[in-house]
Amino acid sequence: MRHGRLVVLATVGALLTGCGGARHPGADEAAGALRMARQKVAAAGSARVDATMRTGGALSSRSTGALSWSRGVEGTVTVRVTGGELAASTRKLGGDPSQTRFLPDAYYTRMTDTFAAGQDGRHWIRHPYDRTSDLSPADALKTLGAADDVHRVGRATVRGTATTHYRGTAGKQRLEVWVDARHLLVQRAYREGDFTVTVHYSDYGAAATAERPPAHDTVDFADVAAGG
């Protein structure tokens, strides 16, 4: 049961996660294109997101909502469990759908009454950001642009939009992005082992807000993890 509880948190945290050798022959050209895309995405400041996550056969989910990144990450997403061996236990603890609120200091995940019963009645888990993570799509473009093996894969159509596809690696992660003719990020994906995440971006400039959960109804992730 505890494993399912922790995996559902990874489901939403993965929206933000980003991640030598000889430089790839096409790396400089690709890095220049990604630099331009990063500037455009940073200036846009927000977008609607539609993300899918899969951890092998253990759990899969879909998260939808809107996020902004002009003054730190902020926004609200709805998370739906779509399958996997841990689907039932995740739904019992996290609900289906569940809600996650992103604020500049941390993201907060709403859990069920079943979970709260073991946490002194508290429903929200506060999860501080990993400082090594890419906290915006602009950060993700910067990480990929700095990879030694970044290169242009070719053209691809993503949900009806013509894009240019780029790929590279950062540490153990395989990173990919799809950029449109306006130099805006349409989609990004990463894989590490059997953990895969794909995030689609649309409606740049969309409003994105999040209300901070009440302190008396919030528990820190470290305390949840330590409690078993």
C-alpha atoms as a PDB file:
ATOM      1  CA  MET A   1       0.000   0.000   0.000  1.00  0.00           C
ATOM      2  CA  ARG A   2       2.800   2.419   0.859  1.00  0.00           C
ATOM      3  CA  HIS A   3       4.410   1.834  -2.538  1.00  0.00           C
ATOM      4  CA  GLY A   4       1.198   2.814  -4.302  1.00  0.00           C
ATOM      5  CA  ARG A   5       1.010   5.967  -2.190  1.00  0.00           C
ATOM      6  CA  LEU A   6       4.500   7.065  -3.246  1.00  0.00           C
ATOM      7  CA  VAL A   7       4.023   6.178  -6.905  1.00  0.00           C
ATOM      8  CA  VAL A   8       0.959   8.405  -7.230  1.00  0.00           C
ATOM      9  CA  LEU A   9       3.080  11.333  -6.051  1.00  0.00           C
ATOM     10  CA  ALA A  10       5.637  10.603  -8.757  1.00  0.00           C
ATOM     11  CA  THR A  11       2.777  10.755 -11.238  1.00  0.00           C
ATOM     12  CA  VAL A  12       2.319  14.496 -10.831  1.00  0.00           C
ATOM     13  CA  GLY A  13       5.871  15.412  -9.907  1.00  0.00           C
ATOM     14  CA  ALA A  14       6.954  14.041 -13.254  1.00  0.00           C
ATOM     15  CA  LEU A  15       5.304  17.008 -14.966  1.00  0.00           C
ATOM     16  CA  LEU A  16       8.313  19.039 -13.877  1.00  0.00           C
ATOM     17  CA  THR A  17      11.201  16.617 -14.025  1.00  0.00           C
ATOM     18  CA  GLY A  18      13.869  17.191 -16.632  1.00  0.00           C
ATOM     19  CA  CYS A  19      16.748  15.561 -16.328  1.00  0.00           C
ATOM     20  CA  GLY A  20      29.801  13.670 -21.712  1.00  0.00           C
ATOM     21  CA  GLY A  21      31.423  12.484 -24.394  1.00  0.00           C
ATOM     22  CA  ALA A  22      32.138  13.862 -27.857  1.00  0.00           C
ATOM     23  CA  ARG A  23      29.754  16.504 -29.171  1.00  0.00           C
ATOM     24  CA  HIS A  24      27.287  15.181 -31.783  1.00  0.00           C
ATOM     25  CA  PRO A  25      27.930  16.592 -35.277  1.00  0.00           C
ATOM     26  CA  GLY A  26      24.487  18.233 -35.341  1.00  0.00           C
ATOM     27  CA  ALA A  27      24.528  19.394 -31.732  1.00  0.00           C
ATOM     28  CA  ASP A  28      25.378  23.047 -32.274  1.00  0.00           C
ATOM     29  CA  GLU A  29      22.624  23.546 -34.853  1.00  0.00           C
ATOM     30  CA  ALA A  30      20.092  21.769 -32.648  1.00  0.00           C
ATOM     31  CA  ALA A  31      21.195  23.729 -29.579  1.00  0.00           C
ATOM     32  CA  GLY A  32      20.659  27.006 -31.454  1.00  0.00           C
ATOM     33  CA  ALA A  33      17.115  26.040 -32.431  1.00  0.00           C
ATOM     34  CA  LEU A  34      16.329  24.959 -28.870  1.00  0.00           C
ATOM     35  CA  ARG A  35      17.756  28.213 -27.516  1.00  0.00           C
ATOM     36  CA  MET A  36      15.289  30.162 -29.659  1.00  0.00           C
ATOM     37  CA  ALA A  37      12.450  27.903 -28.537  1.00  0.00           C
ATOM     38  CA  ARG A  38      13.444  28.396 -24.896  1.00  0.00           C
ATOM     39  CA  GLN A  39      13.221  32.176 -25.291  1.00  0.00           C
ATOM     40  CA  LYS A  40       9.779  31.930 -26.886  1.00  0.00           C
ATOM     41  CA  VAL A  41       8.451  29.546 -24.244  1.00  0.00           C
ATOM     42  CA  ALA A  42       9.838  31.620 -21.374  1.00  0.00           C
ATOM     43  CA  ALA A  43       8.201  34.747 -22.804  1.00  0.00           C
ATOM     44  CA  ALA A  44       4.832  32.977 -23.205  1.00  0.00           C
ATOM     45  CA  GLY A  45       4.803  32.295 -19.467  1.00  0.00           C
ATOM     46  CA  SER A  46       2.038  29.682 -19.304  1.00  0.00           C
ATOM     47  CA  ALA A  47       0.177  26.981 -21.240  1.00  0.00           C
ATOM     48  CA  ARG A  48      -2.351  24.215 -20.955  1.00  0.00           C
ATOM     49  CA  VAL A  49      -0.788  20.797 -20.335  1.00  0.00           C
ATOM     50  CA  ASP A  50      -1.884  17.253 -21.082  1.00  0.00           C
ATOM     51  CA  ALA A  51       0.553  14.717 -19.667  1.00  0.00           C
ATOM     52  CA  THR A  52       0.687  10.929 -19.636  1.00  0.00           C
ATOM     53  CA  MET A  53       2.888   8.854 -17.317  1.00  0.00           C
ATOM     54  CA  ARG A  54       3.676   5.150 -17.257  1.00  0.00           C
ATOM     55  CA  THR A  55       5.820   3.161 -14.824  1.00  0.00           C
ATOM     56  CA  GLY A  56       6.118  -0.140 -16.637  1.00  0.00           C
ATOM     57  CA  GLY A  57       3.059  -2.217 -15.786  1.00  0.00           C
ATOM     58  CA  ALA A  58       2.757  -0.737 -12.293  1.00  0.00           C
ATOM     59  CA  LEU A  59       0.827   2.466 -12.936  1.00  0.00           C
ATOM     60  CA  SER A  60      -0.269   4.811 -15.705  1.00  0.00           C
ATOM     61  CA  SER A  61      -2.020   8.163 -15.463  1.00  0.00           C
ATOM     62  CA  ARG A  62      -3.117  11.264 -17.352  1.00  0.00           C
ATOM     63  CA  SER A  63      -2.847  14.816 -15.967  1.00  0.00           C
ATOM     64  CA  THR A  64      -4.585  17.855 -17.475  1.00  0.00           C
ATOM     65  CA  GLY A  65      -4.722  21.512 -16.505  1.00  0.00           C
ATOM     66  CA  ALA A  66      -2.767  24.737 -16.887  1.00  0.00           C
ATOM     67  CA  LEU A  67       0.630  25.794 -15.544  1.00  0.00           C
ATOM     68  CA  SER A  68       2.465  29.112 -15.482  1.00  0.00           C
ATOM     69  CA  TRP A  69       6.201  29.640 -14.952  1.00  0.00           C
ATOM     70  CA  SER A  70       6.794  33.394 -15.184  1.00  0.00           C
ATOM     71  CA  ARG A  71       7.146  33.825 -11.384  1.00  0.00           C
ATOM     72  CA  GLY A  72       7.833  30.292 -10.282  1.00  0.00           C
ATOM     73  CA  VAL A  73       5.630  27.347 -11.140  1.00  0.00           C
ATOM     74  CA  GLU A  74       1.921  27.802 -10.454  1.00  0.00           C
ATOM     75  CA  GLY A  75      -1.237  26.040 -11.605  1.00  0.00           C
ATOM     76  CA  THR A  76      -3.741  23.278 -11.002  1.00  0.00           C
ATOM     77  CA  VAL A  77      -4.002  19.893 -12.714  1.00  0.00           C
ATOM     78  CA  THR A  78      -6.434  17.002 -12.517  1.00  0.00           C
ATOM     79  CA  VAL A  79      -4.851  13.538 -12.357  1.00  0.00           C
ATOM     80  CA  ARG A  80      -6.679  10.412 -13.510  1.00  0.00           C
ATOM     81  CA  VAL A  81      -5.373   6.892 -13.022  1.00  0.00           C
ATOM     82  CA  THR A  82      -5.614   5.007 -16.319  1.00  0.00           C
ATOM     83  CA  GLY A  83      -4.294   1.543 -15.432  1.00  0.00           C
ATOM     84  CA  GLY A  84      -1.566  -0.632 -13.968  1.00  0.00           C
ATOM     85  CA  GLU A  85      -1.105  -3.119 -11.157  1.00  0.00           C
ATOM     86  CA  LEU A  86      -1.186  -0.348  -8.532  1.00  0.00           C
ATOM     87  CA  ALA A  87      -4.277   1.363  -9.957  1.00  0.00           C
ATOM     88  CA  ALA A  88      -6.691   0.126  -7.300  1.00  0.00           C
ATOM     89  CA  SER A  89      -4.503   1.041  -4.301  1.00  0.00           C
ATOM     90  CA  THR A  90      -3.621   4.393  -5.871  1.00  0.00           C
ATOM     91  CA  ARG A  91      -7.281   5.249  -6.394  1.00  0.00           C
ATOM     92  CA  LYS A  92      -8.046   4.286  -2.792  1.00  0.00           C
ATOM     93  CA  LEU A  93      -5.365   6.604  -1.403  1.00  0.00           C
ATOM     94  CA  GLY A  94      -5.206   9.367  -3.987  1.00  0.00           C
ATOM     95  CA  GLY A  95      -8.696   9.353  -5.433  1.00  0.00           C
ATOM     96  CA  ASP A  96      -9.612   9.238  -9.106  1.00  0.00           C
ATOM     97  CA  PRO A  97      -9.555  11.903 -10.245  1.00  0.00           C
ATOM     98  CA  SER A  98      -7.294  13.693  -7.798  1.00  0.00           C
ATOM     99  CA  GLN A  99      -6.074  17.282  -7.817  1.00  0.00           C
ATOM    100  CA  THR A 100      -2.557  18.679  -7.634  1.00  0.00           C
ATOM    101  CA  ARG A 101      -1.742  22.337  -7.064  1.00  0.00           C
ATOM    102  CA  PHE A 102       1.641  23.702  -8.096  1.00  0.00           C
ATOM    103  CA  LEU A 103       2.973  26.695  -6.166  1.00  0.00           C
ATOM    104  CA  PRO A 104       6.442  28.299  -6.249  1.00  0.00           C
ATOM    105  CA  ASP A 105       7.622  26.512  -3.080  1.00  0.00           C
ATOM    106  CA  ALA A 106       6.217  23.005  -3.679  1.00  0.00           C
ATOM    107  CA  TYR A 107       3.396  21.042  -5.237  1.00  0.00           C
ATOM    108  CA  TYR A 108       0.441  19.794  -3.190  1.00  0.00           C
ATOM    109  CA  THR A 109      -1.517  16.604  -3.883  1.00  0.00           C
ATOM    110  CA  ARG A 110      -5.063  16.028  -2.575  1.00  0.00           C
ATOM    111  CA  MET A 111      -5.568  12.562  -1.096  1.00  0.00           C
ATOM    112  CA  THR A 112      -8.672  10.686   0.068  1.00  0.00           C
ATOM    113  CA  ASP A 113     -10.296  10.332   3.475  1.00  0.00           C
ATOM    114  CA  THR A 114      -8.745   6.861   3.664  1.00  0.00           C
ATOM    115  CA  PHE A 115      -5.284   8.408   3.435  1.00  0.00           C
ATOM    116  CA  ALA A 116      -6.193  11.239   5.837  1.00  0.00           C
ATOM    117  CA  ALA A 117      -7.306   8.733   8.468  1.00  0.00           C
ATOM    118  CA  GLY A 118      -3.675   7.726   8.903  1.00  0.00           C
ATOM    119  CA  GLN A 119      -2.348  11.306   8.841  1.00  0.00           C
ATOM    120  CA  ASP A 120      -4.273  12.989  11.667  1.00  0.00           C
ATOM    121  CA  GLY A 121      -7.040  13.963   9.273  1.00  0.00           C
ATOM    122  CA  ARG A 122      -4.776  15.772   6.801  1.00  0.00           C
ATOM    123  CA  HIS A 123      -5.626  15.393   3.118  1.00  0.00           C
ATOM    124  CA  TRP A 124      -2.905  17.341   1.277  1.00  0.00           C
ATOM    125  CA  ILE A 125       0.699  16.232   0.795  1.00  0.00           C
ATOM    126  CA  ARG A 126       3.276  18.994   0.384  1.00  0.00           C
ATOM    127  CA  HIS A 127       6.086  17.836  -1.896  1.00  0.00           C
ATOM    128  CA  PRO A 128       9.103  20.224  -2.198  1.00  0.00           C
ATOM    129  CA  TYR A 129      10.673  20.416  -5.641  1.00  0.00           C
ATOM    130  CA  ASP A 130      13.867  18.594  -6.442  1.00  0.00           C
ATOM    131  CA  ARG A 131      16.262  21.467  -7.117  1.00  0.00           C
ATOM    132  CA  THR A 132      17.893  19.467  -9.917  1.00  0.00           C
ATOM    133  CA  SER A 133      14.578  19.192 -11.776  1.00  0.00           C
ATOM    134  CA  ASP A 134      13.523  21.307 -14.728  1.00  0.00           C
ATOM    135  CA  LEU A 135      10.717  23.367 -13.226  1.00  0.00           C
ATOM    136  CA  SER A 136       9.411  24.753 -16.530  1.00  0.00           C
ATOM    137  CA  PRO A 137       9.342  23.744 -20.198  1.00  0.00           C
ATOM    138  CA  ALA A 138      11.955  26.447 -20.822  1.00  0.00           C
ATOM    139  CA  ASP A 139      14.254  24.681 -18.343  1.00  0.00           C
ATOM    140  CA  ALA A 140      13.682  21.391 -20.161  1.00  0.00           C
ATOM    141  CA  LEU A 141      14.702  22.971 -23.472  1.00  0.00           C
ATOM    142  CA  LYS A 142      17.859  24.328 -21.850  1.00  0.00           C
ATOM    143  CA  THR A 143      18.763  20.892 -20.466  1.00  0.00           C
ATOM    144  CA  LEU A 144      18.323  19.195 -23.831  1.00  0.00           C
ATOM    145  CA  GLY A 145      20.194  21.962 -25.666  1.00  0.00           C
ATOM    146  CA  ALA A 146      23.206  21.406 -23.412  1.00  0.00           C
ATOM    147  CA  ALA A 147      23.364  17.649 -24.077  1.00  0.00           C
ATOM    148  CA  ASP A 148      26.437  16.480 -26.009  1.00  0.00           C
ATOM    149  CA  ASP A 149      24.353  14.198 -28.205  1.00  0.00           C
ATOM    150  CA  VAL A 150      21.431  16.551 -28.904  1.00  0.00           C
ATOM    151  CA  HIS A 151      20.403  16.401 -32.556  1.00  0.00           C
ATOM    152  CA  ARG A 152      17.552  17.002 -34.964  1.00  0.00           C
ATOM    153  CA  VAL A 153      15.636  13.799 -35.641  1.00  0.00           C
ATOM    154  CA  GLY A 154      13.402  15.162 -38.414  1.00  0.00           C
ATOM    155  CA  ARG A 155       9.866  16.367 -39.064  1.00  0.00           C
ATOM    156  CA  ALA A 156       6.818  14.999 -37.266  1.00  0.00           C
ATOM    157  CA  THR A 157       3.145  15.880 -36.923  1.00  0.00           C
ATOM    158  CA  VAL A 158       1.927  16.057 -33.319  1.00  0.00           C
ATOM    159  CA  ARG A 159      -1.853  16.324 -32.827  1.00  0.00           C
ATOM    160  CA  GLY A 160      -2.188  17.977 -36.210  1.00  0.00           C
ATOM    161  CA  THR A 161       0.712  20.413 -35.760  1.00  0.00           C
ATOM    162  CA  ALA A 162       3.831  20.222 -37.930  1.00  0.00           C
ATOM    163  CA  THR A 163       6.924  20.106 -35.723  1.00  0.00           C
ATOM    164  CA  THR A 164      10.666  19.527 -35.706  1.00  0.00           C
ATOM    165  CA  HIS A 165      11.756  16.668 -33.451  1.00  0.00           C
ATOM    166  CA  TYR A 166      14.947  16.835 -31.344  1.00  0.00           C
ATOM    167  CA  ARG A 167      16.488  14.174 -29.125  1.00  0.00           C
ATOM    168  CA  GLY A 168      19.361  13.765 -26.659  1.00  0.00           C
ATOM    169  CA  THR A 169      20.312  12.329 -23.283  1.00  0.00           C
ATOM    170  CA  ALA A 170      20.982  13.805 -19.855  1.00  0.00           C
ATOM    171  CA  GLY A 171      22.450  11.348 -17.386  1.00  0.00           C
ATOM    172  CA  LYS A 172      20.303   8.222 -17.619  1.00  0.00           C
ATOM    173  CA  GLN A 173      17.370  10.031 -19.197  1.00  0.00           C
ATOM    174  CA  ARG A 174      16.458  10.072 -22.864  1.00  0.00           C
ATOM    175  CA  LEU A 175      14.948  13.458 -23.678  1.00  0.00           C
ATOM    176  CA  GLU A 176      12.862  14.465 -26.695  1.00  0.00           C
ATOM    177  CA  VAL A 177      11.053  17.645 -27.735  1.00  0.00           C
ATOM    178  CA  TRP A 178       8.848  18.677 -30.642  1.00  0.00           C
ATOM    179  CA  VAL A 179       8.915  22.381 -31.642  1.00  0.00           C
ATOM    180  CA  ASP A 180       6.534  24.097 -34.076  1.00  0.00           C
ATOM    181  CA  ALA A 181       7.133  26.762 -36.735  1.00  0.00           C
ATOM    182  CA  ARG A 182       6.570  29.526 -34.156  1.00  0.00           C
ATOM    183  CA  HIS A 183       9.458  28.076 -32.116  1.00  0.00           C
ATOM    184  CA  LEU A 184       7.052  27.006 -29.374  1.00  0.00           C
ATOM    185  CA  LEU A 185       7.306  23.678 -27.587  1.00  0.00           C
ATOM    186  CA  VAL A 186       4.433  21.405 -28.629  1.00  0.00           C
ATOM    187  CA  GLN A 187       5.484  18.270 -26.777  1.00  0.00           C
ATOM    188  CA  ARG A 188       8.301  16.893 -24.660  1.00  0.00           C
ATOM    189  CA  ALA A 189       9.025  13.393 -23.441  1.00  0.00           C
ATOM    190  CA  TYR A 190      11.573  11.613 -21.328  1.00  0.00           C
ATOM    191  CA  ARG A 191      12.351   8.060 -20.413  1.00  0.00           C
ATOM    192  CA  GLU A 192      14.442   6.508 -17.685  1.00  0.00           C
ATOM    193  CA  GLY A 193      14.241   2.738 -17.433  1.00  0.00           C
ATOM    194  CA  ASP A 194      10.572   1.761 -17.511  1.00  0.00           C
ATOM    195  CA  PHE A 195       9.432   5.248 -16.410  1.00  0.00           C
ATOM    196  CA  THR A 196       8.123   7.393 -19.284  1.00  0.00           C
ATOM    197  CA  VAL A 197       6.412  10.788 -19.355  1.00  0.00           C
ATOM    198  CA  THR A 198       5.006  12.755 -22.290  1.00  0.00           C
ATOM    199  CA  VAL A 199       3.708  16.325 -21.860  1.00  0.00           C
ATOM    200  CA  HIS A 200       1.747  18.132 -24.587  1.00  0.00           C
ATOM    201  CA  TYR A 201       1.528  21.964 -24.489  1.00  0.00           C
ATOM    202  CA  SER A 202      -1.197  24.125 -26.033  1.00  0.00           C
ATOM    203  CA  ASP A 203      -2.971  27.469 -25.602  1.00  0.00           C
ATOM    204  CA  TYR A 204       0.150  29.396 -24.582  1.00  0.00           C
ATOM    205  CA  GLY A 205      -0.723  32.349 -22.357  1.00  0.00           C
ATOM    206  CA  ALA A 206      -3.645  30.510 -20.710  1.00  0.00           C
ATOM    207  CA  ALA A 207      -4.563  31.575 -17.181  1.00  0.00           C
ATOM    208  CA  ALA A 208      -3.088  29.297 -14.514  1.00  0.00           C
ATOM    209  CA  THR A 209      -3.775  29.685 -10.798  1.00  0.00           C
ATOM    210  CA  ALA A 210      -3.593  27.588  -7.641  1.00  0.00           C
ATOM    211  CA  GLU A 211      -4.869  28.130  -4.109  1.00  0.00           C
ATOM    212  CA  ARG A 212      -2.579  27.081  -1.271  1.00  0.00           C
ATOM    213  CA  PRO A 213      -4.154  24.260   0.784  1.00  0.00           C
ATOM    214  CA  PRO A 214      -4.825  25.017   4.460  1.00  0.00           C
ATOM    215  CA  ALA A 215      -1.800  24.388   6.674  1.00  0.00           C
ATOM    216  CA  HIS A 216      -3.874  22.371   9.161  1.00  0.00           C
ATOM    217  CA  ASP A 217      -4.882  19.995   6.350  1.00  0.00           C
ATOM    218  CA  THR A 218      -1.351  19.502   4.974  1.00  0.00           C
ATOM    219  CA  VAL A 219       1.401  16.967   5.721  1.00  0.00           C
ATOM    220  CA  ASP A 220       4.965  17.024   4.376  1.00  0.00           C
ATOM    221  CA  PHE A 221       6.007  14.295   1.959  1.00  0.00           C
ATOM    222  CA  ALA A 222       9.054  13.463   4.112  1.00  0.00           C
ATOM    223  CA  ASP A 223       6.757  12.619   7.016  1.00  0.00           C
ATOM    224  CA  VAL A 224       4.532  10.448   4.817  1.00  0.00           C
ATOM    225  CA  ALA A 225       7.531   8.547   3.452  1.00  0.00           C
ATOM    226  CA  ALA A 226       9.035   8.069   6.902  1.00  0.00           C
ATOM    227  CA  GLY A 227       5.744   6.842   8.316  1.00  0.00           C
ATOM    228  CA  GLY A 228       5.608   3.811   6.023  1.00  0.00           C
END
